[in-house]
Amino acid sequence: MSQSNQAQQHPETLAALLRTPLYELALEQKARLTAFSGWEMPVQYIGIGEEHKAIRTRAGMFDISHMGKFALKGKQLIEQLQPLVPSDLSRLQPGQAQYTLLLNPSAGIIDDIIVYYQGLDTTGEQRAVIIVNAGTREVDKAWLLAHLESAKADFQDLSAKKVLIAVQGPQAVAYFQPFVKENLTPLKAFAHFEGTVLGEPAFIARTGYTGEDGFEVMVEPDVGVTLWRELYAAGVVPCGLGARDTLRLEAAMALYGQDIDETTTPLEAGLGWVVHLDTKGDFIGRAVLEKEKAEGVKRRLVGLEMQGRYIARHGYPVLSGAGEAVGVVTSGTLSPTLGKAIALAYVSNLHAQLGQQLEVEIRGKAYPGVVVKKPFYRSPTRLGSK
């Protein structure tokens, strides 16, 4: 049973869920709601397929205010953050960002995050915004506070104080620009700035989780409500978690808790591009990653294209042609853009080569699939982000 169906059949379970400042707008716009990471969130508005298409062809928007939003500053902030992530944050210039990971000592992924470096304030302190997943916010917060020297770093949790809206799609600039004072066109992928939206202060980044061009904007709640209404009136399609999932899966973007977690390492997950062993010093989990790089990983997260429309779901076993269990599916869907069933799965390194013929066990029966190159879909209009 899906989360949304559970929520509909047991409405009392929603009473304890958190709600974003845009919740009333979701009700007003007839969203179908679901429980997600402790929040009551829209899973769809007009339909997952239509919302997915809007993002791929025009522009849509998501309420992502449930995500964790941290503001940090300190004289040696970047220096303090360096041991906590495998990426070399010292390379960041003001206005640049890095997708990276918080790792435990076993190089397991505590969370995937984005660090937005804002440069120095008027007192000479370094500033940064860190966006984390909703379900891991408290864990991330505790981990960061435990490892940062409080005397040298100021930490603010803005999660409940700010609205975060993602405007995504090939026409995102055209739809979003009328509400922004500054010119958005020169902004590169993963660039960000403190600007003005509807005459009020805003944090604007050219980032997203859909595989398309777009922006994520953080503002005060009242500004967020007005911005959502104005974007909606301009023709931007409200989208829910359902389309967000199909979009990110087509782009082969990992979902924390399904595709990556504390039992998976960056190299196993195909996130080696965020591990900068050659350009930075020690960090939590480094020894494990050095060993993995030298010896090779035993399993890898691969893309599977099913032969037919049978959908490989999370937790389904992956089999070799001989019927031997060689892995497990982490995410799967029927791709609205490609019209094919696609999935991500961890499989043994021996079975992870492109073109490898495999099978997925679906309700006791094996269905064929093949290992394909990721991402499954690459937008022709998306700005480069790595």
Protein backbone atom coordinates (compact mmCIF):
# COMPACT_ATOMS: atom_id res chain seq x y z
CA MET A 1 0.00 0.00 0.00
CA SER A 2 1.35 3.42 -0.92
CA GLN A 3 1.87 6.15 1.63
CA SER A 4 -0.83 8.26 0.03
CA ASN A 5 -3.38 5.46 0.25
CA GLN A 6 -2.44 4.85 3.86
CA ALA A 7 -2.96 8.52 4.60
CA GLN A 8 -6.34 8.56 2.91
CA GLN A 9 -7.57 5.47 4.74
CA HIS A 10 -6.24 6.60 8.13
CA PRO A 11 -6.64 10.39 8.23
CA GLU A 12 -5.93 10.42 11.96
CA THR A 13 -2.32 9.53 11.19
CA LEU A 14 -1.92 12.92 9.49
CA ALA A 15 -2.66 14.83 12.70
CA ALA A 16 0.91 14.58 13.96
CA LEU A 17 2.50 15.56 10.65
CA LEU A 18 4.18 18.90 10.08
CA ARG A 19 2.85 21.31 7.46
CA THR A 20 4.68 23.94 5.42
CA PRO A 21 3.46 27.56 5.14
CA LEU A 22 2.10 26.63 1.69
CA TYR A 23 -0.18 23.90 3.04
CA GLU A 24 -3.38 25.97 2.73
CA LEU A 25 -2.51 26.69 -0.90
CA ALA A 26 -2.18 22.95 -1.53
CA LEU A 27 -5.69 22.46 -0.17
CA GLU A 28 -6.97 25.38 -2.21
CA GLN A 29 -5.47 23.92 -5.37
CA LYS A 30 -6.97 20.48 -4.69
CA ALA A 31 -3.69 18.68 -4.09
CA ARG A 32 -3.71 15.05 -3.07
CA LEU A 33 -1.70 14.83 0.14
CA THR A 34 0.57 12.18 1.58
CA ALA A 35 2.85 11.55 4.54
CA PHE A 36 6.53 12.09 3.73
CA SER A 37 9.43 12.28 6.20
CA GLY A 38 7.15 13.53 8.96
CA TRP A 39 5.39 16.10 6.78
CA GLU A 40 1.99 16.24 5.10
CA MET A 41 2.95 17.05 1.53
CA PRO A 42 1.27 17.22 -1.90
CA VAL A 43 1.92 14.05 -3.88
CA GLN A 44 0.11 15.42 -6.94
CA TYR A 45 -2.13 18.23 -8.13
CA ILE A 46 -3.46 17.68 -11.67
CA GLY A 47 -1.75 14.30 -12.09
CA ILE A 48 1.79 12.99 -12.02
CA GLY A 49 2.01 12.55 -15.78
CA GLU A 50 0.86 16.09 -16.58
CA GLU A 51 3.06 17.61 -13.89
CA HIS A 52 6.07 15.63 -15.15
CA LYS A 53 5.40 16.82 -18.70
CA ALA A 54 5.10 20.43 -17.55
CA ILE A 55 8.59 20.31 -16.03
CA ARG A 56 10.12 18.66 -19.09
CA THR A 57 8.50 21.03 -21.58
CA ARG A 58 7.63 24.32 -19.84
CA ALA A 59 7.85 25.06 -16.13
CA GLY A 60 6.48 23.72 -12.88
CA MET A 61 7.01 24.41 -9.20
CA PHE A 62 7.40 22.39 -6.03
CA ASP A 63 6.96 23.30 -2.39
CA ILE A 64 10.19 21.96 -0.86
CA SER A 65 9.91 23.91 2.38
CA HIS A 66 10.06 20.63 4.31
CA MET A 67 13.79 20.35 3.57
CA GLY A 68 16.34 21.32 6.21
CA LYS A 69 17.80 24.81 5.83
CA PHE A 70 20.90 25.76 7.82
CA ALA A 71 22.77 29.08 7.84
CA LEU A 72 26.35 28.99 9.11
CA LYS A 73 29.09 31.56 9.58
CA GLY A 74 32.51 31.71 11.17
CA LYS A 75 36.10 32.86 10.72
CA GLN A 76 37.20 29.36 9.68
CA LEU A 77 33.89 27.89 8.56
CA ILE A 78 35.09 26.16 5.39
CA GLU A 79 38.13 24.82 7.23
CA GLN A 80 35.79 23.31 9.85
CA LEU A 81 33.48 21.77 7.25
CA GLN A 82 36.31 20.19 5.24
CA PRO A 83 36.75 17.08 7.46
CA LEU A 84 33.02 16.34 7.34
CA VAL A 85 32.68 15.86 3.58
CA PRO A 86 34.72 14.11 0.85
CA SER A 87 34.57 17.14 -1.46
CA ASP A 88 37.18 19.91 -1.47
CA LEU A 89 35.15 22.91 -0.31
CA SER A 90 38.23 25.17 -0.41
CA ARG A 91 37.76 25.34 -4.20
CA LEU A 92 34.46 27.17 -3.81
CA GLN A 93 34.34 30.84 -4.71
CA PRO A 94 31.61 33.11 -3.28
CA GLY A 95 28.39 32.38 -5.11
CA GLN A 96 29.33 28.77 -5.93
CA ALA A 97 27.92 25.56 -4.44
CA GLN A 98 28.94 21.92 -4.06
CA TYR A 99 26.70 18.87 -3.97
CA THR A 100 28.38 16.62 -1.41
CA LEU A 101 27.86 14.06 1.35
CA LEU A 102 28.07 13.75 5.09
CA LEU A 103 29.89 10.48 5.79
CA ASN A 104 30.24 8.27 8.86
CA PRO A 105 33.57 6.59 9.75
CA SER A 106 32.67 3.61 7.50
CA ALA A 107 32.16 6.03 4.59
CA GLY A 108 28.42 5.35 4.78
CA ILE A 109 26.27 8.24 3.63
CA ILE A 110 24.56 10.08 6.50
CA ASP A 111 22.94 12.43 3.99
CA ASP A 112 23.49 14.10 0.65
CA ILE A 113 23.56 17.87 0.95
CA ILE A 114 24.36 21.05 -0.95
CA VAL A 115 26.80 23.56 0.51
CA TYR A 116 26.27 27.08 -0.85
CA TYR A 117 29.31 29.27 -0.09
CA GLN A 118 28.33 32.93 0.26
CA GLY A 119 31.75 34.45 0.95
CA LEU A 120 32.67 36.90 3.71
CA ASP A 121 30.34 39.16 5.63
CA THR A 122 31.25 42.69 6.76
CA THR A 123 33.10 41.34 9.80
CA GLY A 124 35.26 38.99 7.75
CA GLU A 125 33.41 35.81 8.67
CA GLN A 126 32.71 33.11 6.08
CA ARG A 127 29.04 32.38 5.41
CA ALA A 128 27.30 29.36 3.93
CA VAL A 129 23.84 27.90 3.50
CA ILE A 130 23.45 24.12 3.71
CA ILE A 131 20.32 22.40 2.43
CA VAL A 132 19.65 18.87 3.73
CA ASN A 133 16.94 16.24 3.39
CA ALA A 134 13.80 16.56 5.50
CA GLY A 135 14.00 13.09 7.02
CA THR A 136 17.61 13.53 8.15
CA ARG A 137 17.46 17.14 9.32
CA GLU A 138 17.78 16.40 13.03
CA VAL A 139 20.52 13.80 12.48
CA ASP A 140 22.44 16.18 10.21
CA LYS A 141 22.04 19.05 12.64
CA ALA A 142 23.34 16.99 15.55
CA TRP A 143 26.26 15.67 13.44
CA LEU A 144 27.30 19.13 12.31
CA LEU A 145 27.03 20.65 15.78
CA ALA A 146 29.02 17.77 17.28
CA HIS A 147 31.89 18.35 14.85
CA LEU A 148 31.90 22.14 14.51
CA GLU A 149 33.65 24.25 17.13
CA SER A 150 30.83 26.39 18.49
CA ALA A 151 33.30 29.13 19.43
CA LYS A 152 34.29 29.45 15.79
CA ALA A 153 31.03 28.74 13.96
CA ASP A 154 27.55 30.18 14.37
CA PHE A 155 24.78 27.73 13.38
CA GLN A 156 21.19 28.72 12.64
CA ASP A 157 18.41 26.28 11.78
CA LEU A 158 16.09 28.15 9.42
CA SER A 159 14.01 25.08 8.55
CA ALA A 160 10.80 26.27 10.20
CA LYS A 161 11.36 29.94 9.40
CA LYS A 162 11.70 29.95 5.62
CA VAL A 163 9.79 28.82 2.56
CA LEU A 164 11.70 27.01 -0.17
CA ILE A 165 10.20 26.82 -3.67
CA ALA A 166 11.71 25.08 -6.68
CA VAL A 167 10.83 26.52 -10.11
CA GLN A 168 11.96 23.97 -12.69
CA GLY A 169 11.81 23.47 -16.44
CA PRO A 170 13.28 24.74 -19.73
CA GLN A 171 11.22 27.94 -19.42
CA ALA A 172 12.01 28.51 -15.73
CA VAL A 173 13.89 31.74 -16.41
CA ALA A 174 11.05 33.24 -18.43
CA TYR A 175 8.44 32.44 -15.77
CA PHE A 176 10.50 33.34 -12.70
CA GLN A 177 12.32 36.46 -13.95
CA PRO A 178 9.32 38.88 -13.72
CA PHE A 179 9.32 38.46 -9.94
CA VAL A 180 13.08 38.87 -9.46
CA LYS A 181 14.83 42.26 -9.47
CA GLU A 182 18.20 40.88 -10.62
CA ASN A 183 18.94 39.39 -14.05
CA LEU A 184 18.79 35.59 -13.79
CA THR A 185 20.17 34.76 -17.22
CA PRO A 186 23.93 35.02 -16.41
CA LEU A 187 23.57 32.77 -13.36
CA LYS A 188 25.38 29.47 -13.96
CA ALA A 189 24.31 26.05 -12.72
CA PHE A 190 24.94 25.71 -8.97
CA ALA A 191 25.53 29.46 -8.70
CA HIS A 192 23.53 31.46 -6.16
CA PHE A 193 23.09 34.95 -4.75
CA GLU A 194 21.12 37.01 -2.28
CA GLY A 195 18.61 38.89 -4.36
CA THR A 196 15.19 40.46 -4.32
CA VAL A 197 11.90 38.66 -5.02
CA LEU A 198 8.67 40.66 -4.99
CA GLY A 199 10.63 43.48 -3.41
CA GLU A 200 11.79 41.34 -0.48
CA PRO A 201 15.13 39.65 0.35
CA ALA A 202 15.59 36.19 -1.12
CA PHE A 203 18.23 33.49 -1.49
CA ILE A 204 18.21 32.27 -5.11
CA ALA A 205 20.15 29.29 -6.48
CA ARG A 206 20.25 27.72 -9.92
CA THR A 207 19.83 24.21 -8.58
CA GLY A 208 17.17 21.52 -8.61
CA TYR A 209 16.29 17.85 -8.44
CA THR A 210 14.59 17.26 -11.78
CA GLY A 211 17.32 17.09 -14.42
CA GLU A 212 16.06 20.36 -15.90
CA ASP A 213 17.16 23.97 -15.66
CA GLY A 214 15.61 25.85 -12.79
CA PHE A 215 15.89 27.68 -9.51
CA GLU A 216 15.38 27.13 -5.82
CA VAL A 217 14.36 30.23 -3.90
CA MET A 218 14.26 30.70 -0.12
CA VAL A 219 12.11 33.52 1.27
CA GLU A 220 10.01 34.51 4.27
CA PRO A 221 6.70 32.59 4.54
CA ASP A 222 4.44 35.49 3.53
CA VAL A 223 6.60 36.19 0.49
CA GLY A 224 6.54 32.49 -0.39
CA VAL A 225 2.74 32.38 -0.32
CA THR A 226 2.50 35.43 -2.59
CA LEU A 227 5.18 34.12 -4.94
CA TRP A 228 3.40 30.76 -5.30
CA ARG A 229 0.13 32.53 -6.13
CA GLU A 230 1.83 34.83 -8.65
CA LEU A 231 3.68 31.98 -10.36
CA TYR A 232 0.46 29.97 -10.51
CA ALA A 233 -1.39 32.91 -12.04
CA ALA A 234 1.41 33.23 -14.62
CA GLY A 235 0.94 29.61 -15.70
CA VAL A 236 3.54 27.71 -13.69
CA VAL A 237 2.14 24.25 -12.90
CA PRO A 238 2.07 23.17 -9.22
CA CYS A 239 3.76 19.78 -8.87
CA GLY A 240 3.90 17.20 -6.11
CA LEU A 241 6.25 14.55 -4.80
CA GLY A 242 5.06 12.01 -7.38
CA ALA A 243 6.41 13.98 -10.34
CA ARG A 244 9.48 14.97 -8.36
CA ASP A 245 10.28 11.28 -7.99
CA THR A 246 9.77 10.33 -11.65
CA LEU A 247 11.78 13.35 -12.78
CA ARG A 248 14.75 12.70 -10.50
CA LEU A 249 14.75 9.01 -11.40
CA GLU A 250 14.90 9.74 -15.14
CA ALA A 251 17.88 11.96 -14.31
CA ALA A 252 19.34 9.10 -12.16
CA MET A 253 19.52 11.34 -9.09
CA ALA A 254 19.75 9.38 -5.85
CA LEU A 255 16.97 9.47 -3.27
CA TYR A 256 18.22 9.33 0.29
CA GLY A 257 16.81 6.38 2.21
CA GLN A 258 16.29 4.35 -0.95
CA ASP A 259 19.30 4.63 -3.28
CA ILE A 260 21.79 5.84 -0.69
CA ASP A 261 22.01 5.53 3.10
CA GLU A 262 24.48 4.80 5.88
CA THR A 263 25.17 1.33 4.44
CA THR A 264 26.23 2.64 1.02
CA THR A 265 29.45 4.44 0.11
CA PRO A 266 29.88 7.20 -2.49
CA LEU A 267 31.92 4.93 -4.77
CA GLU A 268 29.27 2.19 -4.66
CA ALA A 269 26.58 4.77 -5.40
CA GLY A 270 28.35 6.20 -8.44
CA LEU A 271 29.09 9.44 -6.61
CA GLY A 272 32.85 9.24 -6.97
CA TRP A 273 32.81 12.65 -8.65
CA VAL A 274 32.20 14.29 -5.25
CA VAL A 275 35.15 12.45 -3.65
CA HIS A 276 38.29 14.56 -4.04
CA LEU A 277 40.98 12.29 -2.63
CA ASP A 278 43.78 14.00 -4.54
CA THR A 279 43.10 17.61 -3.58
CA LYS A 280 42.15 17.62 0.09
CA GLY A 281 43.43 16.29 3.40
CA ASP A 282 41.86 13.92 5.86
CA PHE A 283 38.10 13.59 6.23
CA ILE A 284 35.70 11.19 7.92
CA GLY A 285 35.59 7.93 5.92
CA ARG A 286 38.68 8.68 3.82
CA ALA A 287 40.53 5.45 4.71
CA VAL A 288 37.57 3.31 3.61
CA LEU A 289 37.26 5.16 0.30
CA GLU A 290 40.99 4.91 -0.38
CA LYS A 291 40.76 1.15 0.11
CA GLU A 292 37.68 0.90 -2.11
CA LYS A 293 39.35 2.91 -4.83
CA ALA A 294 42.46 0.70 -4.70
CA GLU A 295 40.66 -2.64 -4.53
CA GLY A 296 37.43 -1.81 -6.36
CA VAL A 297 33.90 -1.88 -4.98
CA LYS A 298 32.02 -5.16 -4.65
CA ARG A 299 28.71 -3.70 -5.82
CA ARG A 300 27.57 -0.70 -7.81
CA LEU A 301 24.40 1.30 -8.33
CA VAL A 302 23.42 0.78 -11.96
CA GLY A 303 20.63 1.84 -14.27
CA LEU A 304 18.27 -0.88 -15.45
CA GLU A 305 15.94 -0.66 -18.41
CA MET A 306 13.24 -3.29 -18.21
CA GLN A 307 12.32 -5.21 -21.36
CA GLY A 308 8.60 -4.54 -21.25
CA ARG A 309 6.46 -2.37 -19.02
CA TYR A 310 6.86 -4.40 -15.83
CA ILE A 311 7.99 -1.99 -13.10
CA ALA A 312 10.86 -3.00 -10.83
CA ARG A 313 10.04 -1.64 -7.38
CA HIS A 314 12.19 -0.88 -4.34
CA GLY A 315 13.38 -4.07 -2.68
CA TYR A 316 12.79 -6.41 -5.62
CA PRO A 317 15.60 -8.97 -6.10
CA VAL A 318 17.87 -8.69 -9.15
CA LEU A 319 18.90 -12.03 -10.65
CA SER A 320 21.56 -13.22 -13.06
CA GLY A 321 20.50 -15.12 -16.16
CA ALA A 322 21.08 -18.31 -14.18
CA GLY A 323 18.62 -17.23 -11.50
CA GLU A 324 21.27 -16.32 -8.92
CA ALA A 325 20.50 -13.31 -6.70
CA VAL A 326 23.07 -10.63 -7.59
CA GLY A 327 21.47 -7.43 -6.29
CA VAL A 328 18.41 -5.48 -5.29
CA VAL A 329 16.31 -2.70 -6.82
CA THR A 330 16.36 0.63 -4.96
CA SER A 331 14.03 2.77 -7.13
CA GLY A 332 11.84 2.07 -10.13
CA THR A 333 9.10 3.64 -12.22
CA LEU A 334 7.55 3.80 -15.66
CA SER A 335 9.34 6.76 -17.24
CA PRO A 336 6.74 9.26 -18.53
CA THR A 337 9.28 10.79 -20.92
CA LEU A 338 10.74 7.58 -22.35
CA GLY A 339 7.68 5.34 -22.08
CA LYS A 340 9.90 2.61 -20.59
CA ALA A 341 10.18 0.98 -17.19
CA ILE A 342 13.45 2.09 -15.56
CA ALA A 343 15.13 1.37 -12.25
CA LEU A 344 18.20 1.87 -10.12
CA ALA A 345 19.69 -1.20 -8.46
CA TYR A 346 22.76 -2.28 -6.56
CA VAL A 347 24.29 -5.29 -8.28
CA SER A 348 27.55 -7.14 -7.84
CA ASN A 349 30.44 -5.58 -9.72
CA LEU A 350 30.65 -8.68 -11.92
CA HIS A 351 27.15 -7.94 -13.23
CA ALA A 352 27.37 -4.13 -13.44
CA GLN A 353 28.78 -3.71 -16.96
CA LEU A 354 26.76 -1.83 -19.59
CA GLY A 355 24.70 -4.22 -21.67
CA GLN A 356 24.60 -6.88 -18.94
CA GLN A 357 21.42 -8.93 -19.22
CA LEU A 358 19.71 -9.38 -15.85
CA GLU A 359 16.30 -10.24 -14.46
CA VAL A 360 14.13 -8.71 -11.76
CA GLU A 361 11.88 -10.88 -9.64
CA ILE A 362 8.41 -9.33 -9.63
CA ARG A 363 5.77 -11.16 -7.59
CA GLY A 364 7.59 -14.47 -7.88
CA LYS A 365 8.31 -14.27 -11.60
CA ALA A 366 11.52 -13.13 -13.34
CA TYR A 367 11.36 -10.37 -15.96
CA PRO A 368 14.31 -9.33 -18.16
CA GLY A 369 16.21 -6.06 -17.93
CA VAL A 370 19.51 -4.68 -19.15
CA VAL A 371 22.14 -2.46 -17.54
CA VAL A 372 22.16 0.91 -19.32
CA LYS A 373 24.08 4.16 -19.05
CA LYS A 374 22.90 6.75 -16.54
CA PRO A 375 21.13 9.10 -16.63
CA PHE A 376 18.20 7.54 -18.43
CA TYR A 377 17.23 10.97 -19.77
CA ARG A 378 19.39 14.05 -20.29
CA SER A 379 17.62 17.33 -20.95
CA PRO A 380 18.84 19.15 -24.05
CA THR A 381 18.25 22.49 -22.30
CA ARG A 382 19.70 21.81 -18.87
CA LEU A 383 22.76 23.80 -17.81
CA GLY A 384 25.83 21.75 -16.87
CA SER A 385 25.94 21.22 -13.12
CA LYS A 386 29.17 19.38 -12.39
